[in-house]
N, C-alpha and C. Protein backbone atom coordinates (compact mmCIF):
# COMPACT_ATOMS: atom_id res chain seq x y z
N MET A 1 161.09 155.11 91.06
CA MET A 1 159.70 155.97 90.70
C MET A 1 158.68 155.61 91.44
N THR A 2 157.97 156.43 91.74
CA THR A 2 156.66 156.02 92.65
C THR A 2 155.44 155.65 91.91
N ARG A 3 154.39 155.36 92.25
CA ARG A 3 153.24 154.61 91.60
C ARG A 3 152.68 155.89 90.87
N ASP A 4 152.60 157.00 91.62
CA ASP A 4 151.87 158.01 91.45
C ASP A 4 152.70 159.01 90.20
N ALA A 5 154.00 158.84 90.33
CA ALA A 5 154.98 159.44 89.47
C ALA A 5 154.70 158.58 88.26
N HIS A 6 154.57 157.45 88.28
CA HIS A 6 154.60 156.51 87.08
C HIS A 6 153.19 156.53 86.29
N ARG A 7 152.16 156.88 87.13
CA ARG A 7 150.67 157.03 86.58
C ARG A 7 150.63 158.45 85.94
N GLU A 8 151.40 159.64 86.52
CA GLU A 8 151.43 160.89 85.97
C GLU A 8 152.09 160.83 84.48
N PHE A 9 153.06 160.04 84.59
CA PHE A 9 153.98 159.97 83.20
C PHE A 9 152.95 159.34 82.10
N LYS A 10 152.25 158.54 82.79
CA LYS A 10 151.24 157.73 81.52
C LYS A 10 150.25 158.47 81.01
N ASP A 11 149.74 159.49 81.94
CA ASP A 11 148.61 160.23 81.52
C ASP A 11 149.38 161.30 80.76
N ARG A 12 150.54 161.70 80.94
CA ARG A 12 151.04 162.82 79.81
C ARG A 12 151.47 162.28 78.68
N LEU A 13 152.03 160.86 78.74
CA LEU A 13 152.48 160.21 77.45
C LEU A 13 151.19 160.18 76.44
N TYR A 14 150.02 159.47 76.88
CA TYR A 14 149.14 159.20 76.02
C TYR A 14 148.31 160.52 75.71
N GLY A 15 148.55 161.66 76.56
CA GLY A 15 148.15 162.91 76.22
C GLY A 15 148.69 163.56 74.84
N GLN A 16 149.96 163.00 74.92
CA GLN A 16 150.75 163.50 73.53
C GLN A 16 150.17 162.67 72.43
N PHE A 17 149.89 161.47 72.54
CA PHE A 17 149.60 160.53 71.47
C PHE A 17 148.26 161.34 71.14
N ALA A 18 147.28 161.64 71.98
CA ALA A 18 146.06 161.85 71.68
C ALA A 18 146.03 163.41 70.95
N ARG A 19 146.86 163.98 70.90
CA ARG A 19 147.08 165.10 70.06
C ARG A 19 147.04 164.84 68.50
N ILE A 20 147.48 163.89 68.22
CA ILE A 20 147.60 163.42 66.87
C ILE A 20 146.07 163.03 66.58
N GLY A 21 145.39 162.29 67.33
CA GLY A 21 144.24 161.78 67.01
C GLY A 21 143.06 162.80 66.88
N LYS A 22 143.54 163.83 67.99
CA LYS A 22 142.63 165.09 68.01
C LYS A 22 142.74 165.75 66.64
N ALA A 23 143.90 165.93 66.16
CA ALA A 23 144.19 166.92 64.99
C ALA A 23 143.41 165.98 63.78
N LEU A 24 143.37 164.74 63.95
CA LEU A 24 142.84 164.03 62.55
C LEU A 24 141.37 163.92 62.84
N SER A 25 140.68 164.31 63.97
CA SER A 25 139.41 163.81 64.25
C SER A 25 138.46 164.73 62.98
N SER A 26 138.79 165.41 62.30
CA SER A 26 137.69 166.12 61.23
C SER A 26 138.00 165.79 59.79
N PRO A 27 136.94 165.32 59.24
CA PRO A 27 137.06 164.96 57.72
C PRO A 27 137.72 165.79 56.77
N HIS A 28 137.64 167.19 57.03
CA HIS A 28 138.37 168.11 56.22
C HIS A 28 139.82 168.01 56.34
N ARG A 29 140.37 167.80 57.61
CA ARG A 29 141.58 167.53 57.83
C ARG A 29 142.23 166.37 57.15
N LEU A 30 141.67 165.27 57.24
CA LEU A 30 142.01 164.17 56.66
C LEU A 30 142.01 164.32 55.11
N GLU A 31 141.29 164.93 54.63
CA GLU A 31 141.17 165.09 53.03
C GLU A 31 142.25 166.31 52.72
N ILE A 32 142.81 167.19 53.86
CA ILE A 32 143.81 168.18 53.63
C ILE A 32 145.24 167.43 53.40
N LEU A 33 145.21 166.20 54.17
CA LEU A 33 146.51 165.32 54.22
C LEU A 33 146.62 164.65 52.89
N GLU A 34 145.56 164.09 52.63
CA GLU A 34 145.68 163.55 51.37
C GLU A 34 145.87 164.34 49.99
N LEU A 35 145.35 165.57 50.09
CA LEU A 35 145.79 166.55 49.07
C LEU A 35 147.36 167.07 49.23
N LEU A 36 147.68 167.08 50.41
CA LEU A 36 149.47 167.56 50.72
C LEU A 36 150.05 166.17 50.34
N ALA A 37 149.75 165.00 50.20
CA ALA A 37 150.20 163.77 50.05
C ALA A 37 150.70 163.96 48.64
N GLN A 38 150.05 164.83 47.73
CA GLN A 38 150.32 164.88 46.47
C GLN A 38 151.50 165.79 46.13
N GLY A 39 151.52 166.94 47.11
CA GLY A 39 152.56 167.65 46.84
C GLY A 39 152.15 169.16 47.70
N GLU A 40 153.10 169.91 47.81
CA GLU A 40 152.78 171.26 48.39
C GLU A 40 151.71 172.05 47.86
N ARG A 41 150.98 172.73 49.03
CA ARG A 41 149.83 173.35 48.39
C ARG A 41 149.75 174.63 49.19
N THR A 42 149.28 175.87 48.58
CA THR A 42 148.89 177.06 49.17
C THR A 42 147.49 176.90 49.83
N VAL A 43 147.11 177.95 50.90
CA VAL A 43 146.08 177.81 51.48
C VAL A 43 144.95 178.11 50.66
N ASP A 44 145.09 178.91 49.77
CA ASP A 44 144.18 179.48 48.53
C ASP A 44 143.81 177.88 47.74
N SER A 45 144.93 177.37 47.36
CA SER A 45 144.32 176.11 46.26
C SER A 45 143.49 174.98 47.17
N LEU A 46 143.87 174.72 48.56
CA LEU A 46 143.54 173.98 49.36
C LEU A 46 141.63 174.21 49.84
N ALA A 47 141.59 175.56 49.86
CA ALA A 47 140.30 176.14 50.09
C ALA A 47 139.47 175.86 48.69
N THR A 48 140.04 176.10 47.83
CA THR A 48 139.37 175.94 46.65
C THR A 48 138.81 174.24 46.31
N GLU A 49 139.79 173.55 46.48
CA GLU A 49 139.48 172.15 46.27
C GLU A 49 138.41 171.49 47.38
N LEU A 50 138.46 172.28 48.44
CA LEU A 50 137.60 171.49 49.54
C LEU A 50 136.42 172.22 49.70
N GLY A 51 136.04 173.50 49.16
CA GLY A 51 134.79 174.30 48.75
C GLY A 51 134.73 174.80 50.18
N LEU A 52 135.94 175.18 50.98
CA LEU A 52 135.68 176.14 52.38
C LEU A 52 136.23 177.30 51.99
N SER A 53 136.01 178.25 53.01
CA SER A 53 136.42 179.60 53.19
C SER A 53 138.01 179.41 53.27
N LEU A 54 138.72 180.60 53.14
CA LEU A 54 139.99 180.66 53.58
C LEU A 54 140.15 180.68 54.90
N ALA A 55 139.50 181.45 55.56
CA ALA A 55 139.55 181.29 57.20
C ALA A 55 139.11 179.95 57.86
N ASN A 56 138.39 179.26 57.28
CA ASN A 56 138.20 178.09 57.83
C ASN A 56 139.19 177.12 57.32
N THR A 57 139.73 176.97 56.27
CA THR A 57 140.97 176.17 55.69
C THR A 57 142.03 176.51 56.52
N SER A 58 142.29 177.77 57.04
CA SER A 58 143.56 178.20 57.73
C SER A 58 143.45 177.44 59.09
N GLN A 59 142.17 177.39 59.51
CA GLN A 59 141.94 176.92 60.88
C GLN A 59 142.33 175.46 60.99
N HIS A 60 142.01 174.86 60.11
CA HIS A 60 142.25 173.49 59.94
C HIS A 60 143.66 173.10 59.66
N LEU A 61 144.33 174.02 58.95
CA LEU A 61 145.91 173.84 58.98
C LEU A 61 146.47 174.19 60.20
N GLN A 62 145.99 175.09 60.74
CA GLN A 62 146.71 175.43 62.23
C GLN A 62 146.51 174.33 63.18
N ALA A 63 145.30 173.63 62.99
CA ALA A 63 145.20 172.53 63.88
C ALA A 63 146.29 171.12 63.76
N LEU A 64 146.52 171.09 62.48
CA LEU A 64 147.17 170.33 62.11
C LEU A 64 148.59 170.90 62.28
N ARG A 65 149.07 171.91 62.10
CA ARG A 65 150.30 172.35 62.37
C ARG A 65 150.74 172.29 63.93
N GLN A 66 150.01 172.45 64.55
CA GLN A 66 149.96 172.52 66.28
C GLN A 66 150.44 170.84 66.47
N ALA A 67 150.08 169.82 65.93
CA ALA A 67 149.93 168.65 66.14
C ALA A 67 151.33 168.22 65.30
N ALA A 68 152.08 169.04 65.01
CA ALA A 68 153.40 169.06 63.96
C ALA A 68 153.13 167.73 62.83
N ILE A 69 151.82 167.91 62.33
CA ILE A 69 151.61 166.98 61.23
C ILE A 69 151.65 167.63 59.81
N VAL A 70 151.83 168.88 59.89
CA VAL A 70 152.02 169.60 58.68
C VAL A 70 153.21 170.56 58.74
N ALA A 71 153.84 171.03 57.70
CA ALA A 71 154.79 172.06 58.06
C ALA A 71 154.74 173.30 56.94
N SER A 72 154.98 174.62 57.29
CA SER A 72 154.55 175.47 56.24
C SER A 72 155.65 176.27 56.01
N ARG A 73 155.57 177.18 54.81
CA ARG A 73 156.84 178.18 54.61
C ARG A 73 156.10 179.02 53.71
N LYS A 74 156.49 180.33 54.06
CA LYS A 74 155.96 181.71 53.21
C LYS A 74 156.77 182.07 52.27
N GLU A 75 156.19 182.65 51.38
CA GLU A 75 156.86 183.01 50.05
C GLU A 75 156.28 184.18 49.25
N GLY A 76 156.57 185.38 49.87
CA GLY A 76 155.92 186.52 49.62
C GLY A 76 154.39 186.81 50.12
N LEU A 77 153.52 186.90 49.59
CA LEU A 77 152.22 186.73 50.33
C LEU A 77 151.49 185.37 50.59
N PHE A 78 152.40 184.51 50.01
CA PHE A 78 151.67 183.06 50.07
C PHE A 78 152.23 182.14 51.15
N VAL A 79 151.28 181.22 51.62
CA VAL A 79 151.74 180.45 52.60
C VAL A 79 151.45 179.00 52.03
N SER A 80 152.63 178.13 52.07
CA SER A 80 152.17 176.65 51.39
C SER A 80 152.56 175.78 52.41
N TYR A 81 151.81 174.68 52.48
CA TYR A 81 151.85 173.75 53.09
C TYR A 81 151.98 172.38 52.74
N ARG A 82 152.87 171.61 53.42
CA ARG A 82 153.25 170.13 52.88
C ARG A 82 153.27 169.15 54.14
N LEU A 83 153.28 167.83 54.18
CA LEU A 83 153.23 167.00 55.10
C LEU A 83 154.75 167.23 55.91
N SER A 84 154.70 166.97 57.05
CA SER A 84 155.85 167.43 57.87
C SER A 84 156.66 166.16 58.10
N ASN A 85 156.31 164.88 57.50
CA ASN A 85 157.23 163.72 57.43
C ASN A 85 156.53 162.50 56.89
N PRO A 86 157.40 161.71 56.01
CA PRO A 86 156.44 160.85 55.37
C PRO A 86 155.63 159.49 56.30
N ALA A 87 156.08 159.77 57.54
CA ALA A 87 155.23 158.85 58.67
C ALA A 87 153.90 159.48 58.62
N VAL A 88 153.58 160.43 58.34
CA VAL A 88 152.09 161.20 58.44
C VAL A 88 151.37 160.46 57.38
N PHE A 89 151.76 160.32 56.05
CA PHE A 89 151.00 159.64 55.04
C PHE A 89 150.69 157.95 55.43
N GLU A 90 151.76 157.41 56.23
CA GLU A 90 151.69 156.22 56.59
C GLU A 90 150.46 156.02 57.66
N LEU A 91 150.58 156.95 58.34
CA LEU A 91 149.52 157.00 59.48
C LEU A 91 148.22 157.03 59.01
N CYS A 92 147.94 157.95 57.70
CA CYS A 92 146.60 158.28 56.94
C CYS A 92 146.20 156.75 56.23
N THR A 93 147.41 156.07 55.79
CA THR A 93 147.19 154.77 55.20
C THR A 93 146.81 153.68 56.35
N ALA A 94 147.16 153.89 57.27
CA ALA A 94 146.91 153.04 58.53
C ALA A 94 145.17 153.32 58.65
N ILE A 95 145.01 154.43 58.95
CA ILE A 95 143.46 154.83 59.28
C ILE A 95 142.60 154.26 58.09
N ARG A 96 142.86 154.36 56.98
CA ARG A 96 142.33 153.88 55.80
C ARG A 96 141.83 152.60 55.78
N THR A 97 143.29 151.80 56.07
CA THR A 97 143.13 150.22 56.11
C THR A 97 142.02 149.83 57.06
N VAL A 98 142.12 150.39 58.47
CA VAL A 98 141.27 149.77 59.58
C VAL A 98 140.04 150.10 59.11
N ALA A 99 139.69 151.21 58.55
CA ALA A 99 138.21 151.65 58.00
C ALA A 99 137.93 150.71 57.35
N GLU A 100 138.76 150.43 56.28
CA GLU A 100 138.14 149.48 55.19
C GLU A 100 137.65 148.06 55.60
N ARG A 101 138.64 147.69 56.64
CA ARG A 101 138.44 146.30 57.17
C ARG A 101 137.41 146.13 58.26
N GLN A 102 136.95 147.23 59.03
CA GLN A 102 136.24 147.28 60.13
C GLN A 102 134.90 147.92 59.87
N LEU A 103 134.64 148.80 58.91
CA LEU A 103 133.46 149.73 58.95
C LEU A 103 132.50 149.15 57.75
N ALA A 104 131.66 148.29 57.88
CA ALA A 104 130.65 147.97 56.80
C ALA A 104 129.89 149.49 56.17
N ASP A 105 129.84 150.51 56.85
CA ASP A 105 129.34 151.74 56.11
C ASP A 105 130.33 152.35 55.01
N LEU A 106 131.33 151.96 55.28
CA LEU A 106 132.45 152.61 54.32
C LEU A 106 132.47 151.81 53.20
N GLU A 107 132.19 150.48 53.06
CA GLU A 107 132.18 149.78 51.93
C GLU A 107 130.94 149.77 51.26
N ARG A 108 129.88 150.13 51.96
CA ARG A 108 128.58 150.58 51.25
C ARG A 108 128.61 152.02 50.51
N LEU A 109 129.13 153.00 51.18
CA LEU A 109 129.48 154.26 50.66
C LEU A 109 130.22 153.95 49.53
N VAL A 110 131.40 153.45 49.52
CA VAL A 110 132.14 153.22 48.14
C VAL A 110 131.43 152.56 47.07
N ARG A 111 130.52 151.67 47.44
CA ARG A 111 129.89 150.74 46.36
C ARG A 111 128.78 151.70 45.61
N GLU A 112 128.20 152.37 46.84
CA GLU A 112 127.11 153.51 46.20
C GLU A 112 127.82 154.28 45.32
N HIS A 113 128.91 154.74 45.48
CA HIS A 113 129.54 156.00 44.71
C HIS A 113 130.37 155.29 43.67
N PHE A 114 130.89 154.34 43.38
CA PHE A 114 131.84 154.07 42.55
C PHE A 114 130.78 152.86 41.59
N GLY A 115 129.99 152.13 42.34
CA GLY A 115 129.50 151.08 41.65
C GLY A 115 130.43 149.92 41.70
N ASP A 116 130.07 149.01 40.63
CA ASP A 116 130.91 147.81 40.59
C ASP A 116 132.20 148.10 39.94
N ARG A 117 133.39 148.25 40.29
CA ARG A 117 134.54 148.59 40.06
C ARG A 117 135.37 147.47 39.38
N SER A 118 134.89 146.09 39.66
CA SER A 118 135.48 145.00 39.26
C SER A 118 135.95 144.83 37.79
N ASP A 119 135.02 145.89 36.80
CA ASP A 119 135.20 145.62 35.33
C ASP A 119 136.29 146.64 34.99
N ALA A 120 136.89 147.27 35.85
CA ALA A 120 137.73 148.06 35.81
C ALA A 120 139.26 147.53 35.65
N GLU A 121 139.43 146.41 36.07
CA GLU A 121 140.44 145.49 36.13
C GLU A 121 141.87 146.25 36.97
N PRO A 122 141.57 146.60 38.10
CA PRO A 122 142.80 147.48 38.61
C PRO A 122 144.34 146.81 38.53
N VAL A 123 144.98 147.51 38.21
CA VAL A 123 146.41 147.16 38.11
C VAL A 123 147.16 147.37 39.38
N GLU A 124 147.76 146.19 39.90
CA GLU A 124 148.62 146.65 41.12
C GLU A 124 149.82 147.04 40.90
N MET A 125 150.66 147.72 41.69
CA MET A 125 151.81 148.68 41.67
C MET A 125 153.04 147.90 41.07
N ASP A 126 153.11 146.60 41.55
CA ASP A 126 154.36 145.86 40.93
C ASP A 126 154.06 145.56 39.59
N GLU A 127 152.86 145.35 39.14
CA GLU A 127 152.78 144.88 37.60
C GLU A 127 153.03 145.99 36.78
N LEU A 128 152.17 147.30 37.30
CA LEU A 128 152.54 148.32 36.43
C LEU A 128 154.09 148.59 36.31
N LEU A 129 154.84 148.65 37.42
CA LEU A 129 156.27 148.75 37.40
C LEU A 129 157.02 147.89 36.26
N LYS A 130 156.58 146.70 36.20
CA LYS A 130 156.96 145.80 35.25
C LYS A 130 156.63 146.20 33.90
N ARG A 131 155.25 146.39 33.73
CA ARG A 131 154.94 146.85 32.25
C ARG A 131 155.28 148.31 31.73
N ALA A 132 155.58 149.10 32.75
CA ALA A 132 155.85 150.31 32.30
C ALA A 132 157.25 150.35 31.79
N ARG A 133 158.15 149.56 32.52
CA ARG A 133 159.71 149.34 32.16
C ARG A 133 159.59 148.68 30.62
N SER A 134 158.76 147.72 30.49
CA SER A 134 158.85 146.95 29.10
C SER A 134 158.23 147.71 28.13
N LYS A 135 157.53 149.06 28.36
CA LYS A 135 157.05 149.97 27.46
C LYS A 135 155.66 149.34 27.04
N ALA A 136 155.00 148.14 27.59
CA ALA A 136 153.76 147.39 27.25
C ALA A 136 152.65 148.38 27.63
N VAL A 137 152.90 149.52 28.40
CA VAL A 137 151.73 150.28 28.64
C VAL A 137 151.90 151.64 28.39
N VAL A 138 150.93 152.54 28.31
CA VAL A 138 151.15 153.81 28.42
C VAL A 138 150.46 154.37 29.83
N VAL A 139 150.96 155.05 30.49
CA VAL A 139 150.64 155.36 32.03
C VAL A 139 150.10 156.82 31.81
N LEU A 140 148.81 156.95 32.48
CA LEU A 140 148.32 158.22 32.26
C LEU A 140 148.05 158.95 33.57
N ASP A 141 148.69 160.28 34.09
CA ASP A 141 148.33 161.02 35.23
C ASP A 141 147.23 161.64 34.92
N THR A 142 146.10 161.49 35.74
CA THR A 142 144.83 162.15 35.54
C THR A 142 144.57 163.25 36.45
N ARG A 143 145.54 163.44 37.19
CA ARG A 143 145.35 164.63 38.21
C ARG A 143 145.77 166.15 37.64
N PRO A 144 145.17 166.91 38.22
CA PRO A 144 145.38 168.50 37.71
C PRO A 144 146.85 168.80 37.41
N PRO A 145 147.16 169.39 36.68
CA PRO A 145 148.76 169.58 36.13
C PRO A 145 149.70 169.85 37.12
N GLY A 146 149.16 170.91 38.23
CA GLY A 146 149.93 171.15 39.29
C GLY A 146 150.60 170.06 40.10
N GLU A 147 149.84 168.99 40.43
CA GLU A 147 149.94 167.98 41.11
C GLU A 147 151.13 166.99 40.41
N TYR A 148 150.63 166.81 39.15
CA TYR A 148 151.76 166.49 38.17
C TYR A 148 153.10 166.85 38.10
N ALA A 149 153.20 168.19 38.21
CA ALA A 149 154.53 168.90 38.38
C ALA A 149 155.17 168.54 39.65
N ALA A 150 154.16 168.47 40.79
CA ALA A 150 154.78 168.17 41.92
C ALA A 150 155.57 166.90 42.22
N GLY A 151 154.96 165.86 41.37
CA GLY A 151 155.57 164.70 41.48
C GLY A 151 154.85 163.41 40.93
N HIS A 152 155.33 162.72 40.10
CA HIS A 152 154.41 161.72 39.03
C HIS A 152 155.23 160.61 38.72
N ILE A 153 154.56 159.55 38.74
CA ILE A 153 155.12 158.13 38.17
C ILE A 153 156.05 158.42 36.82
N ALA A 154 157.54 157.96 37.04
CA ALA A 154 158.34 158.27 36.09
C ALA A 154 157.84 157.53 34.66
N GLY A 155 157.68 158.57 33.68
CA GLY A 155 157.41 158.23 32.41
C GLY A 155 155.77 158.39 32.12
N ALA A 156 155.22 158.56 33.22
CA ALA A 156 153.64 159.13 33.06
C ALA A 156 153.51 160.26 32.13
N ILE A 157 152.30 160.25 31.53
CA ILE A 157 151.77 161.39 30.86
C ILE A 157 150.67 162.07 31.57
N SER A 158 150.84 163.55 31.53
CA SER A 158 149.87 164.23 32.08
C SER A 158 148.69 164.61 31.00
N VAL A 159 147.52 163.86 31.47
CA VAL A 159 146.21 163.74 30.89
C VAL A 159 145.34 164.11 31.90
N PRO A 160 145.14 165.42 32.50
CA PRO A 160 144.11 165.57 33.28
C PRO A 160 142.75 165.51 32.92
N VAL A 161 141.95 164.60 33.46
CA VAL A 161 140.79 163.89 33.22
C VAL A 161 139.76 164.68 32.36
N ASP A 162 139.66 166.04 32.80
CA ASP A 162 139.03 167.01 32.38
C ASP A 162 139.20 167.32 30.70
N ASP A 163 140.49 166.89 30.42
CA ASP A 163 141.09 167.30 29.37
C ASP A 163 141.40 166.04 28.39
N LEU A 164 140.76 165.06 28.96
CA LEU A 164 140.83 163.83 27.88
C LEU A 164 140.10 163.68 26.87
N GLN A 165 138.76 164.19 27.01
CA GLN A 165 137.87 163.92 25.73
C GLN A 165 138.60 164.64 24.29
N ARG A 166 138.96 165.83 24.68
CA ARG A 166 139.76 166.91 23.50
C ARG A 166 141.00 166.11 23.34
N ARG A 167 141.58 165.58 24.09
CA ARG A 167 143.04 164.91 23.82
C ARG A 167 143.13 163.44 23.13
N LEU A 168 141.91 162.92 23.17
CA LEU A 168 141.75 161.37 22.67
C LEU A 168 142.49 160.99 21.62
N ARG A 169 142.95 162.09 20.46
CA ARG A 169 143.69 161.97 19.32
C ARG A 169 145.01 161.70 19.46
N GLU A 170 145.52 162.20 20.77
CA GLU A 170 146.96 162.06 21.04
C GLU A 170 147.14 160.37 21.33
N LEU A 171 146.13 159.74 21.72
CA LEU A 171 145.93 158.42 22.36
C LEU A 171 145.82 157.46 21.41
N PRO A 172 146.61 157.02 20.57
CA PRO A 172 146.17 155.91 19.66
C PRO A 172 145.39 154.57 19.97
N LYS A 173 144.46 154.00 19.34
CA LYS A 173 143.77 153.04 19.63
C LYS A 173 144.87 151.69 19.97
N GLY A 174 145.67 151.37 19.43
CA GLY A 174 146.50 150.43 19.34
C GLY A 174 147.31 150.20 20.61
N LYS A 175 147.14 151.27 21.37
CA LYS A 175 147.99 151.20 22.68
C LYS A 175 147.16 150.47 24.00
N GLU A 176 147.80 150.14 24.98
CA GLU A 176 147.05 150.03 26.49
C GLU A 176 147.42 150.97 27.33
N TYR A 177 146.47 151.22 27.92
CA TYR A 177 146.57 152.59 29.00
C TYR A 177 146.01 152.18 30.57
N VAL A 178 147.05 152.84 31.30
CA VAL A 178 146.60 152.45 32.76
C VAL A 178 146.63 154.15 33.26
N ALA A 179 145.36 154.15 33.95
CA ALA A 179 145.21 155.68 34.70
C ALA A 179 145.46 155.65 36.01
N TYR A 180 145.99 156.52 36.44
CA TYR A 180 146.13 156.45 37.94
C TYR A 180 145.45 158.04 38.37
N CYS A 181 145.40 158.31 39.64
CA CYS A 181 145.06 159.67 40.33
C CYS A 181 145.75 159.67 41.73
N ARG A 182 144.98 160.07 42.59
CA ARG A 182 145.28 160.54 43.87
C ARG A 182 145.54 159.29 44.87
N GLY A 183 144.55 158.16 44.68
CA GLY A 183 144.49 157.03 45.60
C GLY A 183 143.20 156.21 45.06
N PRO A 184 143.02 155.29 45.95
CA PRO A 184 142.00 154.33 45.63
C PRO A 184 140.63 154.98 45.70
N TYR A 185 140.52 155.95 46.25
CA TYR A 185 139.05 156.66 46.38
C TYR A 185 139.23 157.92 45.50
N CYS A 186 139.95 158.17 44.64
CA CYS A 186 140.04 159.21 43.63
C CYS A 186 139.14 158.72 42.34
N VAL A 187 138.28 159.70 42.02
CA VAL A 187 137.33 159.18 40.94
C VAL A 187 138.09 159.60 39.41
N TYR A 188 139.04 160.26 39.43
CA TYR A 188 139.65 160.74 37.98
C TYR A 188 140.07 159.38 37.32
N ALA A 189 140.75 158.35 37.91
CA ALA A 189 141.08 157.34 37.08
C ALA A 189 139.90 156.31 36.49
N ASP A 190 139.14 156.48 37.34
CA ASP A 190 137.74 155.59 36.98
C ASP A 190 137.07 156.35 35.72
N ARG A 191 136.91 157.46 35.93
CA ARG A 191 136.27 158.44 34.73
C ARG A 191 137.19 158.39 33.56
N ALA A 192 138.42 158.31 33.75
CA ALA A 192 139.46 158.18 32.59
C ALA A 192 139.19 156.89 31.79
N VAL A 193 139.49 155.82 32.73
CA VAL A 193 138.97 154.69 32.16
C VAL A 193 137.55 154.39 31.31
N GLU A 194 136.72 155.04 31.59
CA GLU A 194 135.19 154.94 31.15
C GLU A 194 135.49 155.60 29.96
N ILE A 195 135.99 156.85 29.88
CA ILE A 195 135.80 157.63 28.77
C ILE A 195 136.79 156.83 27.80
N LEU A 196 138.05 156.47 27.86
CA LEU A 196 139.01 155.52 26.96
C LEU A 196 138.31 154.43 26.30
N ARG A 197 137.62 153.69 27.17
CA ARG A 197 136.93 152.46 26.74
C ARG A 197 135.87 152.68 25.77
N SER A 198 134.93 153.66 26.05
CA SER A 198 133.90 154.22 25.41
C SER A 198 134.50 154.79 24.01
N HIS A 199 135.55 154.97 23.82
CA HIS A 199 136.15 155.36 22.44
C HIS A 199 137.30 154.46 22.08
N GLY A 200 136.84 153.20 22.49
CA GLY A 200 137.70 152.16 21.87
C GLY A 200 139.18 151.91 22.26
N ARG A 201 139.58 152.57 23.31
CA ARG A 201 140.85 152.14 24.07
C ARG A 201 140.81 150.93 24.86
N THR A 202 141.99 150.18 25.16
CA THR A 202 142.14 149.45 25.90
C THR A 202 142.80 150.02 27.32
N ALA A 203 142.10 150.23 28.50
CA ALA A 203 142.35 151.04 29.68
C ALA A 203 141.90 150.29 30.84
N ARG A 204 142.78 150.61 31.92
CA ARG A 204 142.64 150.05 33.39
C ARG A 204 143.07 151.04 33.93
N ARG A 205 142.64 150.88 35.22
CA ARG A 205 143.45 151.86 36.49
C ARG A 205 144.04 151.35 37.36
N LEU A 206 145.28 152.08 37.83
CA LEU A 206 145.93 151.50 39.08
C LEU A 206 145.11 151.43 40.29
N ARG A 207 145.31 150.65 40.97
CA ARG A 207 144.48 150.11 42.37
C ARG A 207 144.84 151.48 43.43
N GLU A 208 146.11 151.80 43.48
CA GLU A 208 146.35 152.81 44.21
C GLU A 208 146.74 153.95 43.84
N GLY A 209 147.34 154.83 44.23
CA GLY A 209 147.55 156.20 43.53
C GLY A 209 149.01 156.70 43.71
N PHE A 210 149.45 157.99 43.24
CA PHE A 210 150.79 158.38 43.29
C PHE A 210 151.29 158.41 44.65
N PRO A 211 150.74 158.84 45.84
CA PRO A 211 151.59 158.71 47.11
C PRO A 211 151.87 157.56 47.41
N GLU A 212 151.02 156.32 47.21
CA GLU A 212 151.38 154.91 47.55
C GLU A 212 152.46 154.48 46.77
N TRP A 213 152.43 154.90 45.47
CA TRP A 213 153.65 154.74 44.50
C TRP A 213 155.00 155.10 45.19
N ARG A 214 154.82 156.44 45.58
CA ARG A 214 156.14 156.84 45.88
C ARG A 214 156.57 156.23 47.39
N ALA A 215 155.38 156.09 48.29
CA ALA A 215 156.06 155.60 49.49
C ALA A 215 156.47 153.92 49.41
N ALA A 216 156.10 153.48 48.29
CA ALA A 216 156.62 152.13 48.22
C ALA A 216 158.10 152.01 47.53
N GLY A 217 158.59 153.33 46.97
CA GLY A 217 159.84 153.55 46.48
C GLY A 217 160.21 153.28 45.03
N PHE A 218 158.87 153.09 44.38
CA PHE A 218 158.95 153.25 42.94
C PHE A 218 159.57 154.30 42.27
N PRO A 219 159.90 154.18 40.94
CA PRO A 219 160.56 155.61 40.52
C PRO A 219 159.51 156.96 40.34
N VAL A 220 159.98 157.87 40.73
CA VAL A 220 159.10 158.99 40.31
C VAL A 220 159.91 160.17 39.71
N SER A 221 159.21 161.18 39.13
CA SER A 221 159.85 162.33 38.37
C SER A 221 158.93 163.68 38.72
N ALA A 222 159.45 164.75 38.69
CA ALA A 222 158.69 165.87 38.97
C ALA A 222 158.78 166.89 37.98
N GLY A 223 158.08 167.82 37.83
CA GLY A 223 158.15 168.82 36.43
C GLY A 223 157.21 168.41 35.58
N LEU A 224 157.09 169.51 34.89
CA LEU A 224 156.17 169.23 33.55
C LEU A 224 156.59 168.63 32.14
N GLY A 225 157.96 168.43 32.32
CA GLY A 225 158.56 167.82 31.06
C GLY A 225 158.31 166.55 31.03
């Protein structure tokens, strides 16, 4: 192989890699991937969650699909999207990890939004697995019902955070609760812990979220039952 041919190969090779980076260069697309890590979603559902128009949301999804990061299926008038491969979530996790370690602005942003989270005593996944198996805790899924139905921690109870206040009578004070949601920067679990503690319950949050739990190979279930 000549030097020029090798140079052409390298340029084309890294051009393919750059397709992935280009597709991930939008904050909205990264958030779309976080939502799809919870389960399959329609364009309408994603648009509502993101506060974007259907047209804008569709454009972002097309950019992700062109880079083979998401896949779609059509059912009647609706088009649903999902992550094309578990490696996509691994990539998103790697991006988050690098940002956490290298970007001081990220640390300040999280601190300003969440405040001091140390008093929430986050539970690690290994610890939750052991305690859930021994029935020592009640695990609460605080995400919307559709995400719970798509997949949840085995044995978890669906209590969307917006419904928690009115469902407190279902949650006895003598129990210990661990709340989880979409991931480490999802506010649902923090809000749930705050509500539970303010009403005399013992509560903590899972440090990670459902996608991390599933990626770790821990037990999951699907459906509303």
